[in-house]
Amino acid sequence: MTQRSFHWNAASLGDADLLTVNAADGIGFRLANSDYESPFVDRGMRMLYNGDEDRGVLTNWLNELAVTGVATPVAVDTGGAVVYGMPYENTAAVNVAVPAPTNDTRQDYIVLRRNWADQEIRITRIAGVEGGSIPAITQSPAPAGTGIYDVPLATLSTTTGGVITVTDAREYCLFGGEPGDDSMDTAQLTNDSIDWADRETRTKRYFLGGGCLEPWTAAGIFWYNYTSYLTSTAAPTWGGAANTEGWQINAATYEGVIGRLSTPFPDWASGAIASYIWWVPNSAVASTYYIRSVAQAHTFSGAPFTDPRYALATSGYTSVYQSGTSVQHQLQRTTGFTIPASYAAMTLDTEYLAFWYNSAGVEDINILGVEFVYTGYV
C-alpha cells in the first residue's frame, strides 16, 4: 500500500495495523485507547507542530502531492502531509477517476481526507454538481465533530467532453519557526525569494568610550592629509578632576587622543558614518574650544612616517574642525568627521584622532568618547 497514516487507536482497522513490527502477532504502531480518539496525535502532535490548524502538505517531501492531468484519471504525486496533527505519506502516484458530466461543466475537489471511523487518511475526490460552484470541504475532527477532516490539494473543472483543468489548491504546513509578522517587507521580494542584503535597516550607533581611547604622545607626528601633519606638544592625562572621568586635554596646543576601529561595522548596510565627540569642560567657567577630528584608513605597510602605524592608505582620510564657546559643566556633543561610504566600505582599519586647541590658553576639557552613527541591518 502506497498511502499510510499514523498513529491510530484501533487494534486492526485501517492504518492502525499497517506498520507492523512483527507480522506474526500483528502489533502495529497504534495508540490503543478506546476512551479517546488518538490523544497523542490529536493533541500532543498538534501542540508540537504549532501550526495553522496543524494541516497541510510538507514542503520538500518527495513530490509534494502535486495533482496533474487533463483527462481522467488525474494523478496525485508522491509526498507527505500533516492532517490535524497526524502524519501522512504517499510513496507512489495515485490515480483518481474523474467521470465526465452529462449536461454542464462540473467543479470537483481533490483532498486528503482523514476519517476517524475508517482510521485512515486517503486521497479523495469530492464531487460537485453540474453547473455549480466548487464543493465545500469538511474540517470537523472527532470526537466533538463528524470525524472527517479534509486538507485541500487541487480543484478540478471538467467539461462534458471530459477535458479537465487542474488548479493547485495545496496549503502547506506552517510550523512554529516561521518568520514573525513584518520581519520582511513585500518590497524586498526578488524573484520569489529574499536576499540577505534585503534585510530591514535602521539608524544604529556605536560608541567608543574613553577607556577605548589612548593618548597621543608628545613626540608623535600625525599626517592628516598627504601634505599636512600635526605634532603633539603634550600628552593628555586620564582623570576626572571636577567632572566625569575622561581624557584631560590641557591648554597646550595639539593635545589629543586616538582610537582604532575596523570598518565596515559587521552590521553596516550602506552610506557614510558620522561621528560625534562627547566631552565636558573641566572648569567652572565657559571655555573657548577648538576641536579637530581626523579619520584615516591605514594599510600598516609601505613607507612609514615617524610611526609605522600611520602608513596612509590611498584616498583614505577625512577631517573637520569645530570651534565655539562651551557652557560650564555642561556635557557637549560636538560634530566630528564623517567617513564617506567609499571609505567605510574599506576592509582596512580606520583610525580617528581628536585634537583640542584652546585660544584662551587656560581652560581644559575632558574627552569622554566618540559616537558613530550609521545605517545598519536590524
Protein backbone atom coordinates (compact mmCIF):
# COMPACT_ATOMS: atom_id res chain seq x y z
CA MET A 1 0.00 0.00 0.00
CA THR A 2 1.41 3.34 -1.01
CA GLN A 3 -0.71 5.50 1.30
CA ARG A 4 -0.37 5.29 5.06
CA SER A 5 -1.11 7.38 8.13
CA PHE A 6 -0.25 7.04 11.80
CA HIS A 7 -0.86 6.75 14.72
CA TRP A 8 -4.41 5.43 15.24
CA ASN A 9 -6.06 3.82 18.26
CA ALA A 10 -7.69 0.66 16.88
CA ALA A 11 -6.25 -2.83 17.08
CA SER A 12 -6.67 -3.86 13.42
CA LEU A 13 -8.64 -1.29 11.47
CA GLY A 14 -7.50 0.82 8.53
CA ASP A 15 -3.93 2.03 9.01
CA ALA A 16 -3.82 1.17 12.72
CA ASP A 17 -2.27 -2.21 11.95
CA LEU A 18 -0.49 -1.25 8.72
CA LEU A 19 3.01 -0.60 10.05
CA THR A 20 3.54 -3.89 11.85
CA VAL A 21 6.56 -4.51 13.99
CA ASN A 22 6.02 -8.24 13.99
CA ALA A 23 3.79 -9.70 11.27
CA ALA A 24 3.18 -12.83 13.30
CA ASP A 25 1.48 -11.11 16.21
CA GLY A 26 0.06 -8.16 14.23
CA ILE A 27 1.26 -5.44 16.58
CA GLY A 28 1.35 -2.13 14.71
CA PHE A 29 2.20 1.45 15.58
CA ARG A 30 -1.15 2.21 17.11
CA LEU A 31 -2.40 4.04 20.18
CA ALA A 32 -4.89 1.56 21.61
CA ASN A 33 -7.11 3.77 23.74
CA SER A 34 -10.83 3.33 23.14
CA ASP A 35 -11.75 6.12 25.54
CA TYR A 36 -10.26 8.91 23.42
CA GLU A 37 -9.53 9.25 19.72
CA SER A 38 -5.74 9.14 19.32
CA PRO A 39 -4.91 11.67 22.07
CA PHE A 40 -1.20 11.78 21.31
CA VAL A 41 -1.83 12.76 17.68
CA ASP A 42 -4.91 14.94 18.10
CA ARG A 43 -3.48 16.93 20.99
CA GLY A 44 0.19 16.24 21.56
CA MET A 45 1.36 16.28 17.95
CA ARG A 46 -0.66 19.40 17.14
CA MET A 47 0.98 21.14 20.10
CA LEU A 48 4.45 20.15 18.86
CA TYR A 49 3.81 21.20 15.27
CA ASN A 50 2.30 24.50 16.46
CA GLY A 51 0.99 25.32 13.02
CA ASP A 52 -2.11 26.75 11.39
CA GLU A 53 -4.68 24.12 12.42
CA ASP A 54 -1.74 21.70 12.01
CA ARG A 55 -2.70 20.79 8.49
CA GLY A 56 -1.11 20.96 5.08
CA VAL A 57 1.39 19.49 2.63
CA LEU A 58 5.03 19.11 3.70
CA THR A 59 7.44 21.10 1.56
CA ASN A 60 10.35 19.19 0.00
CA TRP A 61 8.89 15.82 1.00
CA LEU A 62 9.03 13.65 -2.13
CA ASN A 63 6.94 15.43 -4.82
CA GLU A 64 4.64 17.39 -2.50
CA LEU A 65 1.38 15.63 -3.60
CA ALA A 66 1.10 17.64 -6.82
CA VAL A 67 -2.08 16.95 -8.85
CA THR A 68 -1.74 16.78 -12.65
CA GLY A 69 -3.78 15.69 -15.66
CA VAL A 70 -6.01 16.94 -18.49
CA ALA A 71 -8.32 13.92 -18.69
CA THR A 72 -9.43 11.10 -16.42
CA PRO A 73 -7.71 9.84 -14.40
CA VAL A 74 -5.80 12.68 -12.77
CA ALA A 75 -2.65 11.75 -10.88
CA VAL A 76 -1.68 12.71 -7.34
CA ASP A 77 2.09 12.52 -6.98
CA THR A 78 4.11 11.28 -4.02
CA GLY A 79 4.51 13.39 -0.91
CA GLY A 80 3.73 13.88 2.73
CA ALA A 81 1.33 15.93 4.80
CA VAL A 82 0.01 16.55 8.28
CA VAL A 83 -3.75 16.24 8.72
CA TYR A 84 -4.98 17.59 12.06
CA GLY A 85 -1.71 16.58 13.68
CA MET A 86 -1.46 13.15 12.03
CA PRO A 87 1.44 12.38 9.66
CA TYR A 88 0.58 11.02 6.21
CA GLU A 89 2.81 9.69 3.42
CA ASN A 90 2.22 8.59 -0.17
CA THR A 91 5.14 6.79 -1.80
CA ALA A 92 3.69 6.15 -5.29
CA ALA A 93 1.49 8.21 -7.61
CA VAL A 94 -2.24 7.62 -7.12
CA ASN A 95 -4.75 7.82 -10.00
CA VAL A 96 -8.17 9.34 -9.31
CA ALA A 97 -11.00 8.64 -11.74
CA VAL A 98 -12.96 11.74 -12.79
CA PRO A 99 -16.16 10.95 -14.75
CA ALA A 100 -17.28 13.46 -17.36
CA PRO A 101 -20.51 15.38 -16.61
CA THR A 102 -23.57 14.91 -18.82
CA ASN A 103 -25.02 18.38 -19.34
CA ASP A 104 -22.68 21.07 -17.92
CA THR A 105 -19.18 21.65 -16.53
CA ARG A 106 -18.62 20.29 -13.03
CA GLN A 107 -16.28 21.51 -10.28
CA ASP A 108 -14.64 18.90 -8.03
CA TYR A 109 -12.20 18.96 -5.09
CA ILE A 110 -9.22 16.63 -4.59
CA VAL A 111 -8.37 16.43 -0.89
CA LEU A 112 -6.55 14.40 1.71
CA ARG A 113 -9.34 13.10 3.95
CA ARG A 114 -8.74 11.91 7.48
CA ASN A 115 -11.56 9.58 8.52
CA TRP A 116 -11.72 8.69 12.22
CA ALA A 117 -14.25 5.87 11.63
CA ASP A 118 -12.10 4.15 8.98
CA GLN A 119 -8.84 5.03 10.78
CA GLU A 120 -7.26 6.19 7.52
CA ILE A 121 -6.08 9.23 5.60
CA ARG A 122 -6.72 8.84 1.87
CA ILE A 123 -6.74 10.88 -1.33
CA THR A 124 -10.39 11.62 -2.03
CA ARG A 125 -12.44 13.32 -4.74
CA ILE A 126 -15.34 15.47 -3.53
CA ALA A 127 -17.73 15.65 -6.46
CA GLY A 128 -19.55 18.86 -7.24
CA VAL A 129 -22.81 19.32 -9.13
CA GLU A 130 -23.05 20.10 -12.82
CA GLY A 131 -23.14 23.84 -13.45
CA GLY A 132 -22.39 24.51 -9.77
CA SER A 133 -19.51 26.01 -7.83
CA ILE A 134 -16.58 24.27 -6.14
CA PRO A 135 -17.93 21.97 -3.40
CA ALA A 136 -17.15 22.56 0.27
CA ILE A 137 -14.55 20.63 2.21
CA THR A 138 -15.16 19.25 5.70
CA GLN A 139 -12.96 20.03 8.69
CA SER A 140 -14.79 18.52 11.67
CA PRO A 141 -12.42 16.40 13.81
CA ALA A 142 -13.58 13.73 16.30
CA PRO A 143 -14.69 13.34 18.98
CA ALA A 144 -16.70 16.58 19.01
CA GLY A 145 -17.25 16.70 15.22
CA THR A 146 -18.17 14.33 12.43
CA GLY A 147 -14.75 12.69 12.37
CA ILE A 148 -13.90 13.96 8.87
CA TYR A 149 -11.04 16.41 8.24
CA ASP A 150 -10.02 17.45 4.71
CA VAL A 151 -6.79 19.11 3.53
CA PRO A 152 -7.17 20.61 0.01
CA LEU A 153 -4.83 19.57 -2.80
CA ALA A 154 -6.49 20.81 -6.03
CA THR A 155 -9.76 21.80 -7.69
CA LEU A 156 -10.91 20.28 -10.99
CA SER A 157 -13.05 21.76 -13.72
CA THR A 158 -14.37 19.01 -16.06
CA THR A 159 -16.27 19.68 -19.28
CA THR A 160 -18.89 17.42 -20.85
CA GLY A 161 -16.18 16.40 -23.29
CA GLY A 162 -14.00 15.13 -20.43
CA VAL A 163 -11.43 17.93 -20.61
CA ILE A 164 -10.06 18.61 -17.13
CA THR A 165 -8.41 21.80 -15.86
CA VAL A 166 -6.44 21.34 -12.63
CA THR A 167 -5.96 24.30 -10.26
CA ASP A 168 -3.44 23.86 -7.46
CA ALA A 169 -5.07 24.38 -4.05
CA ARG A 170 -2.40 22.95 -1.75
CA GLU A 171 -1.91 24.53 1.64
CA TYR A 172 1.48 23.95 3.23
CA CYS A 173 2.29 23.28 6.87
CA LEU A 174 3.25 26.33 8.91
CA PHE A 175 5.35 25.40 11.89
CA GLY A 176 6.44 27.49 14.87
CA GLY A 177 9.76 28.50 13.25
CA GLU A 178 8.13 30.69 10.62
CA PRO A 179 9.28 34.37 10.49
CA GLY A 180 7.31 36.82 12.58
CA ASP A 181 4.89 39.33 11.11
CA ASP A 182 6.52 42.24 9.27
CA SER A 183 10.02 40.71 9.55
CA MET A 184 10.34 41.02 5.77
CA ASP A 185 8.73 43.74 3.66
CA THR A 186 6.99 42.79 0.41
CA ALA A 187 9.16 45.30 -1.46
CA GLN A 188 12.16 43.14 -0.59
CA LEU A 189 10.90 40.11 -2.51
CA THR A 190 13.04 39.41 -5.57
CA ASN A 191 12.06 36.58 -7.92
CA ASP A 192 10.01 34.97 -5.14
CA SER A 193 13.00 35.00 -2.79
CA ILE A 194 14.52 37.22 -0.13
CA ASP A 195 18.15 38.25 -0.46
CA TRP A 196 20.32 38.55 2.66
CA ALA A 197 21.16 42.14 1.73
CA ASP A 198 17.44 42.97 1.65
CA ARG A 199 17.04 42.92 5.41
CA GLU A 200 15.38 45.88 7.09
CA THR A 201 17.73 48.68 8.19
CA ARG A 202 17.64 51.38 10.84
CA THR A 203 19.88 54.07 12.28
CA LYS A 204 22.39 52.48 14.65
CA ARG A 205 25.05 53.82 17.00
CA TYR A 206 28.46 52.56 18.03
CA PHE A 207 30.23 54.23 20.94
CA LEU A 208 33.91 54.16 21.85
CA GLY A 209 34.18 55.29 25.43
CA GLY A 210 37.19 56.96 26.95
CA GLY A 211 38.57 53.62 28.06
CA CYS A 212 38.83 52.58 24.40
CA LEU A 213 40.94 55.63 23.54
CA GLU A 214 44.62 56.23 24.14
CA PRO A 215 46.70 59.42 24.46
CA TRP A 216 48.55 60.93 21.53
CA THR A 217 52.20 61.09 22.59
CA ALA A 218 54.25 64.29 22.63
CA ALA A 219 56.78 63.08 20.05
CA GLY A 220 54.37 61.66 17.50
CA ILE A 221 53.53 63.16 14.12
CA PHE A 222 50.08 62.54 12.67
CA TRP A 223 49.59 63.12 8.94
CA TYR A 224 46.00 64.25 8.43
CA ASN A 225 46.34 64.54 4.67
CA TYR A 226 49.12 63.89 2.18
CA THR A 227 50.87 67.21 2.78
CA SER A 228 49.97 68.31 6.34
CA TYR A 229 50.69 66.88 9.73
CA LEU A 230 50.25 67.72 13.39
CA THR A 231 52.89 67.37 16.07
CA SER A 232 51.57 66.81 19.54
CA THR A 233 53.07 69.19 22.11
CA ALA A 234 51.94 67.32 25.22
CA ALA A 235 50.16 64.12 26.21
CA PRO A 236 46.68 64.23 27.81
CA THR A 237 46.14 62.59 31.18
CA TRP A 238 43.34 60.34 32.37
CA GLY A 239 41.27 61.58 35.28
CA GLY A 240 38.12 63.22 36.42
CA ALA A 241 39.07 66.42 38.25
CA ALA A 242 35.76 68.16 38.87
CA ASN A 243 33.86 66.17 36.22
CA THR A 244 33.29 62.72 34.74
CA GLU A 245 36.35 60.55 34.16
CA GLY A 246 37.87 61.13 30.74
CA TRP A 247 40.97 62.27 28.89
CA GLN A 248 42.01 65.64 30.27
CA ILE A 249 43.17 67.79 27.38
CA ASN A 250 45.04 70.77 28.86
CA ALA A 251 45.74 74.20 27.42
CA ALA A 252 48.71 73.21 25.27
CA THR A 253 48.15 73.31 21.51
CA TYR A 254 47.58 69.95 19.77
CA GLU A 255 46.95 67.57 22.57
CA GLY A 256 44.73 64.67 21.61
CA VAL A 257 43.56 61.10 21.87
CA ILE A 258 43.47 58.38 19.24
CA GLY A 259 41.33 55.30 18.73
CA ARG A 260 41.06 52.45 16.26
CA LEU A 261 38.16 50.60 14.69
CA SER A 262 37.70 48.42 11.63
CA THR A 263 35.16 49.40 9.01
CA PRO A 264 32.73 48.47 7.82
CA PHE A 265 30.94 47.50 11.03
CA PRO A 266 29.60 43.92 10.87
CA ASP A 267 26.02 45.19 10.51
CA TRP A 268 26.82 48.22 8.31
CA ALA A 269 24.41 48.38 5.37
CA SER A 270 25.37 51.44 3.34
CA GLY A 271 26.11 55.14 3.43
CA ALA A 272 28.51 57.38 5.33
CA ILE A 273 29.42 57.01 9.01
CA ALA A 274 29.02 60.18 11.06
CA SER A 275 30.96 60.84 14.27
CA TYR A 276 30.39 62.96 17.36
CA ILE A 277 32.88 63.79 20.11
CA TRP A 278 31.50 63.73 23.65
CA TRP A 279 33.30 65.99 26.12
CA VAL A 280 32.77 68.26 29.12
CA PRO A 281 34.58 71.46 30.21
CA ASN A 282 36.85 70.74 33.11
CA SER A 283 36.48 74.19 34.59
CA ALA A 284 33.99 76.37 36.41
CA VAL A 285 33.79 78.91 33.59
CA ALA A 286 32.82 78.89 29.94
CA SER A 287 35.58 77.56 27.71
CA THR A 288 36.57 78.65 24.23
CA TYR A 289 37.33 75.45 22.34
CA TYR A 290 38.71 74.33 19.02
CA ILE A 291 38.36 70.65 18.14
CA ARG A 292 39.82 69.00 15.05
CA SER A 293 38.91 65.38 14.31
CA VAL A 294 40.58 63.22 11.69
CA ALA A 295 39.79 59.75 10.34
CA GLN A 296 42.27 57.75 8.30
CA ALA A 297 42.41 54.30 6.71
CA HIS A 298 45.75 52.52 7.11
CA THR A 299 47.47 49.65 5.38
CA PHE A 300 50.11 49.08 8.07
CA SER A 301 52.62 48.65 5.24
CA GLY A 302 54.63 50.73 2.80
CA ALA A 303 56.94 53.61 3.63
CA PRO A 304 56.03 54.79 7.14
CA PHE A 305 56.31 58.28 8.52
CA THR A 306 57.53 58.81 12.09
CA ASP A 307 55.40 55.94 13.41
CA PRO A 308 54.94 52.87 11.16
CA ARG A 309 51.36 52.51 12.35
CA TYR A 310 50.38 55.53 10.33
CA ALA A 311 51.14 54.44 6.78
CA LEU A 312 48.32 56.16 4.93
CA ALA A 313 46.11 54.19 2.55
CA THR A 314 45.26 55.63 -0.84
CA SER A 315 42.33 58.07 -0.66
CA GLY A 316 41.66 57.19 2.94
CA TYR A 317 41.37 60.29 5.09
CA THR A 318 38.81 62.89 6.14
CA SER A 319 39.00 65.70 8.68
CA VAL A 320 36.87 68.52 10.12
CA TYR A 321 37.15 71.07 12.90
CA GLN A 322 34.64 72.85 15.11
CA SER A 323 35.09 75.90 17.36
CA GLY A 324 32.89 77.81 19.79
CA THR A 325 32.25 78.58 23.43
CA SER A 326 31.04 75.88 25.83
CA VAL A 327 28.77 76.22 28.84
CA GLN A 328 30.40 75.45 32.17
CA HIS A 329 29.80 71.92 33.48
CA GLN A 330 27.56 71.11 30.51
CA LEU A 331 28.06 67.90 28.55
CA GLN A 332 28.98 68.67 24.94
CA ARG A 333 28.32 66.64 21.78
CA THR A 334 30.42 68.15 19.00
CA THR A 335 30.12 67.07 15.37
CA GLY A 336 33.26 65.30 14.18
CA PHE A 337 34.43 63.88 10.89
CA THR A 338 32.20 61.91 8.53
CA ILE A 339 33.62 58.75 6.98
CA PRO A 340 32.36 58.64 3.35
CA ALA A 341 30.66 55.47 2.18
CA SER A 342 33.62 54.68 -0.09
CA TYR A 343 35.97 54.75 2.93
CA ALA A 344 33.50 52.99 5.21
CA ALA A 345 33.40 50.04 2.82
CA MET A 346 37.18 49.55 3.01
CA THR A 347 38.42 46.40 4.68
CA LEU A 348 41.31 48.35 6.20
CA ASP A 349 41.44 49.64 9.74
CA THR A 350 40.17 53.16 10.30
CA GLU A 351 41.70 55.38 12.97
CA TYR A 352 40.46 58.67 14.27
CA LEU A 353 42.25 61.49 16.08
CA ALA A 354 40.60 64.22 18.15
CA PHE A 355 42.68 67.33 18.95
CA TRP A 356 41.68 70.26 21.11
CA TYR A 357 43.04 73.75 20.79
CA ASN A 358 42.27 76.46 23.35
CA SER A 359 42.72 80.03 22.19
CA ALA A 360 42.35 81.33 25.75
CA GLY A 361 45.21 79.15 26.90
CA VAL A 362 43.93 78.46 30.40
CA GLU A 363 40.90 76.11 30.38
CA ASP A 364 40.88 72.42 29.63
CA ILE A 365 38.30 69.77 28.70
CA ASN A 366 37.69 66.08 29.30
CA ILE A 367 37.09 63.94 26.20
CA LEU A 368 34.68 61.16 27.22
CA GLY A 369 34.40 59.21 23.97
CA VAL A 370 33.40 59.18 20.34
CA GLU A 371 29.98 58.17 18.93
CA PHE A 372 29.49 56.76 15.43
CA VAL A 373 26.08 56.90 13.70
CA TYR A 374 25.37 54.79 10.61
CA THR A 375 22.74 52.81 8.73
CA GLY A 376 22.85 49.18 9.84
CA TYR A 377 20.84 45.99 9.43
CA VAL A 378 18.19 45.14 12.01
